[in-house]
Amino acid sequence: MGELSQSCEIRRAFTNTKMFDVNNSANEHELSQPFTGGAFEIIVEIFQHKLIERGLIHEELEKLA
């Protein structure tokens, strides 16, 4: 998941950044990274469970992700 802006920058949603990593930052984009990463992980989990429910992937494959 990502997005393009008019400045042609790519914003990635996959990040392992934690609040501890940006605790002293005043940059709003850095501060949003932990939330964005967590929200993305939840979306991926839901998507994987839907794939399993529909028989499109096996549970073993989901455990590897």
PDB file of N, CA and C in Angstrom:
ATOM      1  N   MET A   1       0.860  -1.159   0.000  1.00  0.00           N
ATOM      2  CA  MET A   1       0.000   0.000   0.000  1.00  0.00           C
ATOM      3  C   MET A   1       0.909   1.225   0.000  1.00  0.00           C
ATOM      4  N   GLY A   2       0.538   2.189  -0.763  1.00  0.00           N
ATOM      5  CA  GLY A   2       1.300   3.422  -0.818  1.00  0.00           C
ATOM      6  C   GLY A   2       0.505   4.467  -1.570  1.00  0.00           C
ATOM      7  N   GLU A   3       1.064   5.615  -1.710  1.00  0.00           N
ATOM      8  CA  GLU A   3       0.377   6.673  -2.441  1.00  0.00           C
ATOM      9  C   GLU A   3       1.406   7.553  -3.124  1.00  0.00           C
ATOM     10  N   LEU A   4       0.997   8.171  -4.214  1.00  0.00           N
ATOM     11  CA  LEU A   4       1.849   9.124  -4.919  1.00  0.00           C
ATOM     12  C   LEU A   4       1.298  10.520  -4.696  1.00  0.00           C
ATOM     13  N   SER A   5       2.175  11.457  -4.492  1.00  0.00           N
ATOM     14  CA  SER A   5       1.750  12.843  -4.346  1.00  0.00           C
ATOM     15  C   SER A   5       2.124  13.598  -5.613  1.00  0.00           C
ATOM     16  N   GLN A   6       1.753  14.842  -5.697  1.00  0.00           N
ATOM     17  CA  GLN A   6       2.094  15.636  -6.868  1.00  0.00           C
ATOM     18  C   GLN A   6       3.598  15.856  -6.973  1.00  0.00           C
ATOM     19  N   SER A   7       4.319  15.679  -5.902  1.00  0.00           N
ATOM     20  CA  SER A   7       5.772  15.818  -5.949  1.00  0.00           C
ATOM     21  C   SER A   7       6.448  14.508  -6.337  1.00  0.00           C
ATOM     22  N   CYS A   8       5.638  13.505  -6.714  1.00  0.00           N
ATOM     23  CA  CYS A   8       6.131  12.198  -7.185  1.00  0.00           C
ATOM     24  C   CYS A   8       6.878  11.417  -6.107  1.00  0.00           C
ATOM     25  N   GLU A   9       6.585  11.664  -4.864  1.00  0.00           N
ATOM     26  CA  GLU A   9       7.176  10.889  -3.781  1.00  0.00           C
ATOM     27  C   GLU A   9       6.276   9.700  -3.486  1.00  0.00           C
ATOM     28  N   ILE A  10       6.877   8.602  -3.060  1.00  0.00           N
ATOM     29  CA  ILE A  10       6.107   7.422  -2.687  1.00  0.00           C
ATOM     30  C   ILE A  10       6.111   7.321  -1.167  1.00  0.00           C
ATOM     31  N   ARG A  11       4.942   7.161  -0.598  1.00  0.00           N
ATOM     32  CA  ARG A  11       4.814   6.984   0.845  1.00  0.00           C
ATOM     33  C   ARG A  11       4.488   5.524   1.085  1.00  0.00           C
ATOM     34  N   ARG A  12       5.335   4.850   1.846  1.00  0.00           N
ATOM     35  CA  ARG A  12       5.129   3.438   2.117  1.00  0.00           C
ATOM     36  C   ARG A  12       4.394   3.261   3.442  1.00  0.00           C
ATOM     37  N   ALA A  13       3.488   2.286   3.465  1.00  0.00           N
ATOM     38  CA  ALA A  13       2.740   2.023   4.691  1.00  0.00           C
ATOM     39  C   ALA A  13       3.407   0.944   5.529  1.00  0.00           C
ATOM     40  N   PHE A  14       4.267   0.138   4.924  1.00  0.00           N
ATOM     41  CA  PHE A  14       4.947  -0.909   5.677  1.00  0.00           C
ATOM     42  C   PHE A  14       6.145  -0.304   6.392  1.00  0.00           C
ATOM     43  N   THR A  15       6.110  -0.310   7.702  1.00  0.00           N
ATOM     44  CA  THR A  15       7.212   0.243   8.492  1.00  0.00           C
ATOM     45  C   THR A  15       7.266  -0.465   9.838  1.00  0.00           C
ATOM     46  N   ASN A  16       8.444  -0.613  10.350  1.00  0.00           N
ATOM     47  CA  ASN A  16       8.624  -1.202  11.683  1.00  0.00           C
ATOM     48  C   ASN A  16       8.893  -0.125  12.730  1.00  0.00           C
ATOM     49  N   THR A  17       8.633   1.121  12.377  1.00  0.00           N
ATOM     50  CA  THR A  17       8.889   2.242  13.280  1.00  0.00           C
ATOM     51  C   THR A  17       7.973   2.174  14.500  1.00  0.00           C
ATOM     52  N   LYS A  18       8.553   2.363  15.657  1.00  0.00           N
ATOM     53  CA  LYS A  18       7.788   2.363  16.912  1.00  0.00           C
ATOM     54  C   LYS A  18       7.793   3.779  17.492  1.00  0.00           C
ATOM     55  N   MET A  19       6.869   4.052  18.403  1.00  0.00           N
ATOM     56  CA  MET A  19       6.791   5.381  19.010  1.00  0.00           C
ATOM     57  C   MET A  19       8.108   5.757  19.690  1.00  0.00           C
ATOM     58  N   PHE A  20       8.786   4.770  20.251  1.00  0.00           N
ATOM     59  CA  PHE A  20      10.081   5.027  20.876  1.00  0.00           C
ATOM     60  C   PHE A  20      11.057   5.636  19.871  1.00  0.00           C
ATOM     61  N   ASP A  21      10.965   5.200  18.601  1.00  0.00           N
ATOM     62  CA  ASP A  21      11.876   5.674  17.557  1.00  0.00           C
ATOM     63  C   ASP A  21      11.640   7.135  17.192  1.00  0.00           C
ATOM     64  N   VAL A  22      10.427   7.633  17.373  1.00  0.00           N
ATOM     65  CA  VAL A  22      10.093   9.007  16.969  1.00  0.00           C
ATOM     66  C   VAL A  22       9.671   9.870  18.155  1.00  0.00           C
ATOM     67  N   ASN A  23       9.948   9.411  19.342  1.00  0.00           N
ATOM     68  CA  ASN A  23       9.485  10.056  20.569  1.00  0.00           C
ATOM     69  C   ASN A  23       9.862  11.531  20.656  1.00  0.00           C
ATOM     70  N   ASN A  24      11.049  11.890  20.235  1.00  0.00           N
ATOM     71  CA  ASN A  24      11.510  13.274  20.366  1.00  0.00           C
ATOM     72  C   ASN A  24      11.351  14.080  19.081  1.00  0.00           C
ATOM     73  N   SER A  25      10.649  13.533  18.119  1.00  0.00           N
ATOM     74  CA  SER A  25      10.508  14.208  16.831  1.00  0.00           C
ATOM     75  C   SER A  25       9.362  15.211  16.859  1.00  0.00           C
ATOM     76  N   ALA A  26       9.563  16.325  16.183  1.00  0.00           N
ATOM     77  CA  ALA A  26       8.494  17.308  16.011  1.00  0.00           C
ATOM     78  C   ALA A  26       7.897  17.196  14.614  1.00  0.00           C
ATOM     79  N   ASN A  27       8.444  16.281  13.801  1.00  0.00           N
ATOM     80  CA  ASN A  27       7.988  16.100  12.430  1.00  0.00           C
ATOM     81  C   ASN A  27       6.716  15.258  12.421  1.00  0.00           C
ATOM     82  N   GLU A  28       5.627  15.823  11.923  1.00  0.00           N
ATOM     83  CA  GLU A  28       4.334  15.124  11.938  1.00  0.00           C
ATOM     84  C   GLU A  28       4.343  13.860  11.085  1.00  0.00           C
ATOM     85  N   HIS A  29       5.131  13.840  10.024  1.00  0.00           N
ATOM     86  CA  HIS A  29       5.181  12.646   9.176  1.00  0.00           C
ATOM     87  C   HIS A  29       5.915  11.510   9.879  1.00  0.00           C
ATOM     88  N   GLU A  30       6.977  11.834  10.584  1.00  0.00           N
ATOM     89  CA  GLU A  30       7.680  10.814  11.361  1.00  0.00           C
ATOM     90  C   GLU A  30       6.787  10.283  12.478  1.00  0.00           C
ATOM     91  N   LEU A  31       6.046  11.171  13.129  1.00  0.00           N
ATOM     92  CA  LEU A  31       5.169  10.754  14.224  1.00  0.00           C
ATOM     93  C   LEU A  31       4.029   9.860  13.746  1.00  0.00           C
ATOM     94  N   SER A  32       3.631   9.979  12.483  1.00  0.00           N
ATOM     95  CA  SER A  32       2.524   9.170  11.968  1.00  0.00           C
ATOM     96  C   SER A  32       2.966   7.773  11.547  1.00  0.00           C
ATOM     97  N   GLN A  33       4.265   7.537  11.393  1.00  0.00           N
ATOM     98  CA  GLN A  33       4.747   6.250  10.897  1.00  0.00           C
ATOM     99  C   GLN A  33       4.343   5.052  11.756  1.00  0.00           C
ATOM    100  N   PRO A  34       4.451   5.100  13.090  1.00  0.00           N
ATOM    101  CA  PRO A  34       4.028   3.936  13.880  1.00  0.00           C
ATOM    102  C   PRO A  34       2.545   3.600  13.686  1.00  0.00           C
ATOM    103  N   PHE A  35       1.686   4.611  13.646  1.00  0.00           N
ATOM    104  CA  PHE A  35       0.258   4.361  13.441  1.00  0.00           C
ATOM    105  C   PHE A  35       0.005   3.790  12.052  1.00  0.00           C
ATOM    106  N   THR A  36       0.630   4.372  11.036  1.00  0.00           N
ATOM    107  CA  THR A  36       0.450   3.898   9.666  1.00  0.00           C
ATOM    108  C   THR A  36       0.889   2.448   9.539  1.00  0.00           C
ATOM    109  N   GLY A  37       2.039   2.116  10.114  1.00  0.00           N
ATOM    110  CA  GLY A  37       2.533   0.740  10.064  1.00  0.00           C
ATOM    111  C   GLY A  37       1.600  -0.227  10.769  1.00  0.00           C
ATOM    112  N   GLY A  38       1.097   0.160  11.936  1.00  0.00           N
ATOM    113  CA  GLY A  38       0.163  -0.698  12.678  1.00  0.00           C
ATOM    114  C   GLY A  38      -1.145  -0.888  11.945  1.00  0.00           C
ATOM    115  N   ALA A  39      -1.675   0.179  11.380  1.00  0.00           N
ATOM    116  CA  ALA A  39      -2.926   0.089  10.620  1.00  0.00           C
ATOM    117  C   ALA A  39      -2.742  -0.800   9.399  1.00  0.00           C
ATOM    118  N   PHE A  40      -1.602  -0.686   8.726  1.00  0.00           N
ATOM    119  CA  PHE A  40      -1.325  -1.510   7.555  1.00  0.00           C
ATOM    120  C   PHE A  40      -1.258  -2.984   7.937  1.00  0.00           C
ATOM    121  N   GLU A  41      -0.614  -3.297   9.061  1.00  0.00           N
ATOM    122  CA  GLU A  41      -0.529  -4.689   9.509  1.00  0.00           C
ATOM    123  C   GLU A  41      -1.915  -5.270   9.777  1.00  0.00           C
ATOM    124  N   ILE A  42      -2.808  -4.486  10.350  1.00  0.00           N
ATOM    125  CA  ILE A  42      -4.177  -4.947  10.604  1.00  0.00           C
ATOM    126  C   ILE A  42      -4.896  -5.230   9.290  1.00  0.00           C
ATOM    127  N   ILE A  43      -4.747  -4.344   8.315  1.00  0.00           N
ATOM    128  CA  ILE A  43      -5.387  -4.540   7.008  1.00  0.00           C
ATOM    129  C   ILE A  43      -4.864  -5.812   6.347  1.00  0.00           C
ATOM    130  N   VAL A  44      -3.561  -6.054   6.433  1.00  0.00           N
ATOM    131  CA  VAL A  44      -2.973  -7.262   5.851  1.00  0.00           C
ATOM    132  C   VAL A  44      -3.533  -8.505   6.534  1.00  0.00           C
ATOM    133  N   GLU A  45      -3.654  -8.481   7.864  1.00  0.00           N
ATOM    134  CA  GLU A  45      -4.208  -9.625   8.598  1.00  0.00           C
ATOM    135  C   GLU A  45      -5.641  -9.925   8.164  1.00  0.00           C
ATOM    136  N   ILE A  46      -6.453  -8.901   8.059  1.00  0.00           N
ATOM    137  CA  ILE A  46      -7.846  -9.085   7.625  1.00  0.00           C
ATOM    138  C   ILE A  46      -7.880  -9.673   6.226  1.00  0.00           C
ATOM    139  N   PHE A  47      -7.064  -9.146   5.328  1.00  0.00           N
ATOM    140  CA  PHE A  47      -7.009  -9.630   3.950  1.00  0.00           C
ATOM    141  C   PHE A  47      -6.597 -11.102   3.906  1.00  0.00           C
ATOM    142  N   GLN A  48      -5.585 -11.468   4.682  1.00  0.00           N
ATOM    143  CA  GLN A  48      -5.140 -12.858   4.711  1.00  0.00           C
ATOM    144  C   GLN A  48      -6.233 -13.784   5.234  1.00  0.00           C
ATOM    145  N   HIS A  49      -6.948 -13.371   6.260  1.00  0.00           N
ATOM    146  CA  HIS A  49      -8.032 -14.197   6.797  1.00  0.00           C
ATOM    147  C   HIS A  49      -9.151 -14.367   5.774  1.00  0.00           C
ATOM    148  N   LYS A  50      -9.438 -13.334   5.015  1.00  0.00           N
ATOM    149  CA  LYS A  50     -10.452 -13.434   3.958  1.00  0.00           C
ATOM    150  C   LYS A  50      -9.996 -14.405   2.868  1.00  0.00           C
ATOM    151  N   LEU A  51      -8.713 -14.400   2.532  1.00  0.00           N
ATOM    152  CA  LEU A  51      -8.195 -15.341   1.538  1.00  0.00           C
ATOM    153  C   LEU A  51      -8.329 -16.779   2.029  1.00  0.00           C
ATOM    154  N   ILE A  52      -8.061 -17.002   3.315  1.00  0.00           N
ATOM    155  CA  ILE A  52      -8.204 -18.337   3.896  1.00  0.00           C
ATOM    156  C   ILE A  52      -9.667 -18.765   3.885  1.00  0.00           C
ATOM    157  N   GLU A  53     -10.563 -17.878   4.312  1.00  0.00           N
ATOM    158  CA  GLU A  53     -11.998 -18.186   4.332  1.00  0.00           C
ATOM    159  C   GLU A  53     -12.506 -18.602   2.959  1.00  0.00           C
ATOM    160  N   ARG A  54     -11.985 -18.003   1.916  1.00  0.00           N
ATOM    161  CA  ARG A  54     -12.433 -18.301   0.548  1.00  0.00           C
ATOM    162  C   ARG A  54     -11.659 -19.452  -0.084  1.00  0.00           C
ATOM    163  N   GLY A  55     -10.735 -20.029   0.669  1.00  0.00           N
ATOM    164  CA  GLY A  55      -9.971 -21.162   0.166  1.00  0.00           C
ATOM    165  C   GLY A  55      -8.923 -20.792  -0.873  1.00  0.00           C
ATOM    166  N   LEU A  56      -8.505 -19.541  -0.876  1.00  0.00           N
ATOM    167  CA  LEU A  56      -7.538 -19.084  -1.873  1.00  0.00           C
ATOM    168  C   LEU A  56      -6.093 -19.290  -1.425  1.00  0.00           C
ATOM    169  N   ILE A  57      -5.869 -19.360  -0.112  1.00  0.00           N
ATOM    170  CA  ILE A  57      -4.560 -19.728   0.426  1.00  0.00           C
ATOM    171  C   ILE A  57      -4.781 -20.656   1.613  1.00  0.00           C
ATOM    172  N   HIS A  58      -3.742 -21.429   1.950  1.00  0.00           N
ATOM    173  CA  HIS A  58      -3.812 -22.324   3.104  1.00  0.00           C
ATOM    174  C   HIS A  58      -3.352 -21.583   4.357  1.00  0.00           C
ATOM    175  N   GLU A  59      -3.808 -22.056   5.507  1.00  0.00           N
ATOM    176  CA  GLU A  59      -3.430 -21.425   6.775  1.00  0.00           C
ATOM    177  C   GLU A  59      -1.921 -21.437   6.990  1.00  0.00           C
ATOM    178  N   GLU A  60      -1.241 -22.486   6.491  1.00  0.00           N
ATOM    179  CA  GLU A  60       0.208 -22.576   6.652  1.00  0.00           C
ATOM    180  C   GLU A  60       0.909 -21.400   5.975  1.00  0.00           C
ATOM    181  N   LEU A  61       0.390 -20.980   4.837  1.00  0.00           N
ATOM    182  CA  LEU A  61       0.975 -19.852   4.122  1.00  0.00           C
ATOM    183  C   LEU A  61       0.798 -18.559   4.916  1.00  0.00           C
ATOM    184  N   GLU A  62      -0.356 -18.397   5.541  1.00  0.00           N
ATOM    185  CA  GLU A  62      -0.615 -17.195   6.332  1.00  0.00           C
ATOM    186  C   GLU A  62       0.329 -17.121   7.533  1.00  0.00           C
ATOM    187  N   LYS A  63       0.663 -18.271   8.101  1.00  0.00           N
ATOM    188  CA  LYS A  63       1.560 -18.297   9.261  1.00  0.00           C
ATOM    189  C   LYS A  63       2.979 -17.876   8.893  1.00  0.00           C
ATOM    190  N   LEU A  64       3.357 -18.058   7.633  1.00  0.00           N
ATOM    191  CA  LEU A  64       4.696 -17.676   7.183  1.00  0.00           C
ATOM    192  C   LEU A  64       4.830 -16.177   6.978  1.00  0.00           C
ATOM    193  N   ALA A  65       3.713 -15.501   6.767  1.00  0.00           N
ATOM    194  CA  ALA A  65       3.753 -14.067   6.442  1.00  0.00           C
ATOM    195  C   ALA A  65       3.983 -13.219   7.664  1.00  0.00           C
TER     196      ALA A  65
END
